[in-house]
Amino acid sequence: MPGNRDLKGLTFDEIAERYGEEAAIAAGIAADPDARELTDDDFARMRPASEVVPAIVKAHRRTRGKQRTPVKKQITIRLDADVVAHFRNEGRGWQTRLNAVLRRAVFGTAD
């Protein structure tokens, strides 16, 4: 692999073209002060997540594969432009608010 001086000022694609993709990846890692290669000491200090954050791992294992089935159904509906504008102007979550209004109108509840 060429020295870092040889690669200075070259883009990833230029390095990859001249020296190969592995060299380009290695150069990117070497140039990033926040990314360093792990040492044997680093690996020796590593512990399984189940030892470090057991509650998180336990919660993940308890719910893994048991995601709820979506209760909402995606549809296409035509509404008056001013109605849509009213809800959109209220910002994020406008579809949820519109759903709550419809639910109250149909069932008398927002639940």
Protein backbone atom coordinates (compact mmCIF):
# COMPACT_ATOMS: atom_id res chain seq x y z
CA MET A 1 0.00 0.00 0.00
CA PRO A 2 1.27 3.47 -0.76
CA GLY A 3 2.19 5.82 2.08
CA ASN A 4 -0.33 8.37 3.32
CA ARG A 5 1.72 11.15 1.70
CA ASP A 6 1.15 9.54 -1.70
CA LEU A 7 -2.62 9.58 -1.13
CA LYS A 8 -3.02 13.12 0.20
CA GLY A 9 -5.50 15.12 -1.83
CA LEU A 10 -6.86 12.10 -3.70
CA THR A 11 -10.52 11.14 -3.57
CA PHE A 12 -11.74 7.70 -2.61
CA ASP A 13 -12.43 6.90 -6.26
CA GLU A 14 -8.97 8.04 -7.36
CA ILE A 15 -7.27 5.91 -4.71
CA ALA A 16 -9.47 2.92 -5.57
CA GLU A 17 -8.67 3.29 -9.27
CA ARG A 18 -4.91 3.49 -8.70
CA TYR A 19 -4.40 1.14 -5.76
CA GLY A 20 -7.65 -0.81 -5.31
CA GLU A 21 -10.72 -0.49 -3.15
CA GLU A 22 -9.07 -1.98 -0.04
CA ALA A 23 -6.37 0.70 -0.18
CA ALA A 24 -9.03 3.39 -0.53
CA ILE A 25 -10.92 2.05 2.48
CA ALA A 26 -7.74 1.81 4.55
CA ALA A 27 -6.78 5.37 3.57
CA GLY A 28 -10.20 6.63 4.65
CA ILE A 29 -9.86 4.92 8.02
CA ALA A 30 -6.33 6.26 8.49
CA ALA A 31 -7.48 9.79 7.68
CA ASP A 32 -10.38 9.71 10.18
CA PRO A 33 -9.23 10.75 13.66
CA ASP A 34 -12.34 9.22 15.23
CA ALA A 35 -11.83 5.79 13.66
CA ARG A 36 -8.90 3.74 14.81
CA GLU A 37 -8.03 0.14 14.45
CA LEU A 38 -8.88 -1.91 17.51
CA THR A 39 -5.97 -3.38 19.44
CA ASP A 40 -5.65 -6.73 21.20
CA ASP A 41 -6.19 -4.86 24.49
CA ASP A 42 -9.43 -3.39 23.14
CA PHE A 43 -10.67 -6.86 22.23
CA ALA A 44 -9.61 -8.24 25.62
CA ARG A 45 -11.70 -5.59 27.41
CA MET A 46 -14.81 -6.22 25.33
CA ARG A 47 -17.76 -7.92 27.00
CA PRO A 48 -21.01 -9.30 25.58
CA ALA A 49 -23.91 -6.85 25.56
CA SER A 50 -25.78 -9.25 27.86
CA GLU A 51 -23.18 -8.50 30.57
CA VAL A 52 -22.95 -4.76 29.97
CA VAL A 53 -26.64 -3.85 29.48
CA PRO A 54 -28.61 -6.94 30.52
CA ALA A 55 -31.96 -5.14 30.79
CA ILE A 56 -31.80 -3.92 27.19
CA VAL A 57 -30.79 -7.33 25.87
CA LYS A 58 -33.54 -9.00 27.90
CA ALA A 59 -36.16 -6.58 26.56
CA HIS A 60 -34.95 -7.12 23.00
CA ARG A 61 -35.08 -10.90 23.35
CA ARG A 62 -38.55 -10.71 24.89
CA THR A 63 -39.98 -8.71 21.97
CA ARG A 64 -37.85 -9.95 19.07
CA GLY A 65 -40.11 -11.30 16.35
CA LYS A 66 -43.24 -10.30 18.23
CA GLN A 67 -43.89 -6.91 16.68
CA ARG A 68 -47.52 -5.98 16.61
CA THR A 69 -49.46 -6.24 13.40
CA PRO A 70 -50.18 -2.78 12.06
CA VAL A 71 -53.70 -1.70 12.94
CA LYS A 72 -53.82 1.08 10.37
CA LYS A 73 -54.68 0.49 6.75
CA GLN A 74 -53.18 2.57 3.98
CA ILE A 75 -55.80 3.84 1.55
CA THR A 76 -56.32 6.50 -1.07
CA ILE A 77 -59.04 9.01 -0.30
CA ARG A 78 -60.10 12.27 -1.91
CA LEU A 79 -60.78 15.14 0.50
CA ASP A 80 -61.51 18.79 -0.10
CA ALA A 81 -58.31 20.79 -0.47
CA ASP A 82 -59.20 23.20 2.33
CA VAL A 83 -59.76 20.30 4.76
CA VAL A 84 -56.36 18.83 3.97
CA ALA A 85 -54.75 22.29 4.18
CA HIS A 86 -56.31 22.85 7.61
CA PHE A 87 -54.77 19.68 9.06
CA ARG A 88 -51.43 20.06 7.26
CA ASN A 89 -51.08 23.64 8.52
CA GLU A 90 -51.13 22.29 12.07
CA GLY A 91 -47.78 20.59 11.36
CA ARG A 92 -46.41 17.11 11.86
CA GLY A 93 -48.89 14.44 12.85
CA TRP A 94 -51.68 15.89 10.75
CA GLN A 95 -52.80 12.48 9.52
CA THR A 96 -53.04 11.19 13.09
CA ARG A 97 -55.13 14.22 14.06
CA LEU A 98 -57.37 13.75 11.03
CA ASN A 99 -57.82 10.08 11.99
CA ALA A 100 -58.81 11.14 15.54
CA VAL A 101 -61.45 13.55 14.19
CA LEU A 102 -62.88 10.84 11.94
CA ARG A 103 -62.85 8.32 14.81
CA ARG A 104 -64.77 10.74 17.07
CA ALA A 105 -67.29 11.40 14.30
CA VAL A 106 -67.86 7.70 13.66
CA PHE A 107 -67.49 6.12 17.11
CA GLY A 108 -67.81 9.07 19.49
CA THR A 109 -64.34 8.44 20.90
CA ALA A 110 -60.72 9.20 20.00
CA ASP A 111 -59.39 5.90 21.43
